[in-house]
Amino acid sequence: MKFNEFLNHLSNYEPGKDIEVIAKEYGVKEVIKLASNENPFGTPPKAIECLRQNANKAHLYPDDSMIELKSTLAQKYKVQNENIIIGAGSDQVIEFAIHAKLNSKNAFLQAGVTFAMYEIYAKQCSAKCYKTQSITHNLDEFKKLY
């Protein structure tokens, strides 16, 4: 079986360590892990209550169009439903944008240090990837690369 060429040039994504591993490794009791978008405040009580009220529906697929959520957000922010994009975190929304816009005829610019998946998404689209040497979004450096 032949796979897409870009896969030959990808390195494995290495997620951050689990809280339990970090606590043991550094001998600390409390770890607040922000890199994985984990909530240091725990699950909100309203979310827990909502889960309890809807647990009997867990075997059903949810409305993947999220029409009720989109309508509520559109009304609140005075935009059309079509202007709302919902994803499982900002990473997925960025993934949607990359897949919608990139191809082999254009390129992707990124700061030298950022979430590894963005480069992987760009390579999935056969886009050329340019990384700055700095860890900030240095526009002058971006201009030189592109």
Protein backbone atom coordinates (compact mmCIF):
# COMPACT_ATOMS: atom_id res chain seq x y z
CA MET A 1 0.00 0.00 0.00
CA LYS A 2 1.37 3.42 -0.92
CA PHE A 3 0.94 6.26 1.56
CA ASN A 4 1.05 10.00 1.00
CA GLU A 5 4.63 11.24 0.57
CA PHE A 6 4.38 13.88 3.31
CA LEU A 7 4.14 11.11 5.93
CA ASN A 8 7.79 10.18 5.30
CA HIS A 9 8.89 13.58 6.57
CA LEU A 10 6.81 13.82 9.74
CA SER A 11 8.11 13.15 13.20
CA ASN A 12 5.82 11.67 15.81
CA TYR A 13 3.80 14.08 17.92
CA GLU A 14 4.91 13.85 21.53
CA PRO A 15 2.21 14.98 23.95
CA GLY A 16 3.07 16.46 27.32
CA LYS A 17 3.46 14.23 30.34
CA ASP A 18 0.46 13.32 32.50
CA ILE A 19 -0.02 15.27 35.72
CA GLU A 20 0.68 12.14 37.78
CA VAL A 21 4.03 11.61 36.02
CA ILE A 22 5.06 15.25 36.51
CA ALA A 23 4.09 15.20 40.20
CA LYS A 24 6.13 12.06 40.81
CA GLU A 25 9.10 13.21 38.71
CA TYR A 26 9.41 16.57 40.51
CA GLY A 27 8.14 15.49 43.92
CA VAL A 28 5.27 17.98 44.00
CA LYS A 29 1.67 17.50 45.10
CA GLU A 30 -0.09 20.01 42.88
CA VAL A 31 0.46 20.40 39.15
CA ILE A 32 -1.40 22.87 36.97
CA LYS A 33 -0.98 21.83 33.36
CA LEU A 34 -1.88 24.59 30.93
CA ALA A 35 -0.09 23.30 27.83
CA SER A 36 -2.79 20.72 27.09
CA ASN A 37 -5.67 23.17 27.58
CA GLU A 38 -6.65 21.43 30.79
CA ASN A 39 -8.78 23.47 33.17
CA PRO A 40 -6.92 24.03 36.46
CA PHE A 41 -10.22 24.90 38.17
CA GLY A 42 -11.85 21.53 37.52
CA THR A 43 -15.16 20.78 35.86
CA PRO A 44 -17.66 23.62 36.32
CA PRO A 45 -20.69 22.67 38.46
CA LYS A 46 -23.09 23.65 35.63
CA ALA A 47 -21.28 21.26 33.27
CA ILE A 48 -21.51 18.45 35.83
CA GLU A 49 -25.24 19.07 36.23
CA CYS A 50 -25.74 19.12 32.46
CA LEU A 51 -23.88 15.80 32.16
CA ARG A 52 -26.06 14.27 34.87
CA GLN A 53 -29.24 15.46 33.17
CA ASN A 54 -28.17 14.08 29.80
CA ALA A 55 -26.37 10.86 30.79
CA ASN A 56 -29.33 8.80 29.55
CA LYS A 57 -28.65 10.15 26.03
CA ALA A 58 -24.94 9.23 25.97
CA HIS A 59 -25.60 6.37 23.55
CA LEU A 60 -26.89 8.79 20.89
CA TYR A 61 -24.80 10.89 18.51
CA PRO A 62 -25.12 14.60 19.30
CA ASP A 63 -26.25 17.17 16.75
CA ASP A 64 -22.96 17.62 14.92
CA SER A 65 -24.27 20.71 13.15
CA MET A 66 -24.56 22.33 16.60
CA ILE A 67 -27.39 24.47 15.27
CA GLU A 68 -28.70 25.48 18.70
CA LEU A 69 -25.25 26.59 19.90
CA LYS A 70 -24.53 28.39 16.61
CA SER A 71 -27.88 30.18 16.73
CA THR A 72 -27.33 31.29 20.32
CA LEU A 73 -23.81 32.56 19.58
CA ALA A 74 -24.91 34.25 16.35
CA GLN A 75 -27.70 36.04 18.17
CA LYS A 76 -25.43 37.09 21.04
CA TYR A 77 -22.70 38.47 18.75
CA LYS A 78 -25.10 39.78 16.08
CA VAL A 79 -23.69 37.72 13.19
CA GLN A 80 -25.13 35.09 10.86
CA ASN A 81 -25.03 31.39 11.82
CA GLU A 82 -22.79 30.83 8.79
CA ASN A 83 -20.14 33.06 10.39
CA ILE A 84 -19.76 30.76 13.40
CA ILE A 85 -17.20 27.94 13.31
CA ILE A 86 -17.24 25.49 16.19
CA GLY A 87 -14.47 23.03 16.89
CA ALA A 88 -13.15 20.85 19.67
CA GLY A 89 -10.81 23.57 20.89
CA SER A 90 -8.91 26.28 19.05
CA ASP A 91 -6.56 23.67 17.60
CA GLN A 92 -9.36 22.10 15.57
CA VAL A 93 -10.58 25.48 14.31
CA ILE A 94 -7.03 26.25 13.14
CA GLU A 95 -6.90 22.79 11.54
CA PHE A 96 -10.12 23.59 9.64
CA ALA A 97 -8.64 26.87 8.40
CA ILE A 98 -5.40 25.24 7.30
CA HIS A 99 -7.20 22.48 5.41
CA ALA A 100 -9.54 25.00 3.81
CA LYS A 101 -6.83 27.35 2.56
CA LEU A 102 -3.49 25.56 2.09
CA ASN A 103 -2.29 23.50 -0.85
CA SER A 104 0.92 22.75 -2.73
CA LYS A 105 0.87 26.20 -4.36
CA ASN A 106 1.13 28.21 -1.15
CA ALA A 107 3.02 28.24 2.13
CA PHE A 108 2.58 28.29 5.87
CA LEU A 109 4.52 30.66 8.15
CA GLN A 110 4.95 29.99 11.85
CA ALA A 111 7.03 31.04 14.80
CA GLY A 112 9.88 28.66 15.59
CA VAL A 113 8.18 27.35 18.72
CA THR A 114 4.48 26.59 18.50
CA PHE A 115 2.08 23.67 18.69
CA ALA A 116 3.55 20.85 16.56
CA MET A 117 0.26 19.95 14.90
CA TYR A 118 0.06 23.14 12.82
CA GLU A 119 3.06 22.12 10.74
CA ILE A 120 1.65 18.61 10.40
CA TYR A 121 -1.68 19.98 9.15
CA ALA A 122 0.14 22.18 6.62
CA LYS A 123 2.19 19.24 5.36
CA GLN A 124 -1.02 17.22 4.97
CA CYS A 125 -2.02 19.87 2.45
CA SER A 126 1.38 19.68 0.70
CA ALA A 127 2.09 23.28 1.68
CA LYS A 128 5.65 24.49 2.19
CA CYS A 129 6.36 25.33 5.86
CA TYR A 130 8.56 28.21 6.96
CA LYS A 131 9.62 28.62 10.61
CA THR A 132 11.22 31.65 12.17
CA GLN A 133 14.19 31.31 14.50
CA SER A 134 12.44 33.38 17.15
CA ILE A 135 9.72 32.21 19.50
CA THR A 136 7.58 35.28 18.88
CA HIS A 137 5.59 36.32 15.83
CA ASN A 138 8.34 38.47 14.37
CA LEU A 139 6.84 40.02 11.23
CA ASP A 140 10.20 41.13 9.84
CA GLU A 141 11.48 37.58 10.11
CA PHE A 142 8.32 36.26 8.43
CA LYS A 143 8.83 38.69 5.53
CA LYS A 144 12.41 37.49 5.01
CA LEU A 145 11.34 33.84 4.98
CA TYR A 146 8.46 34.30 2.59
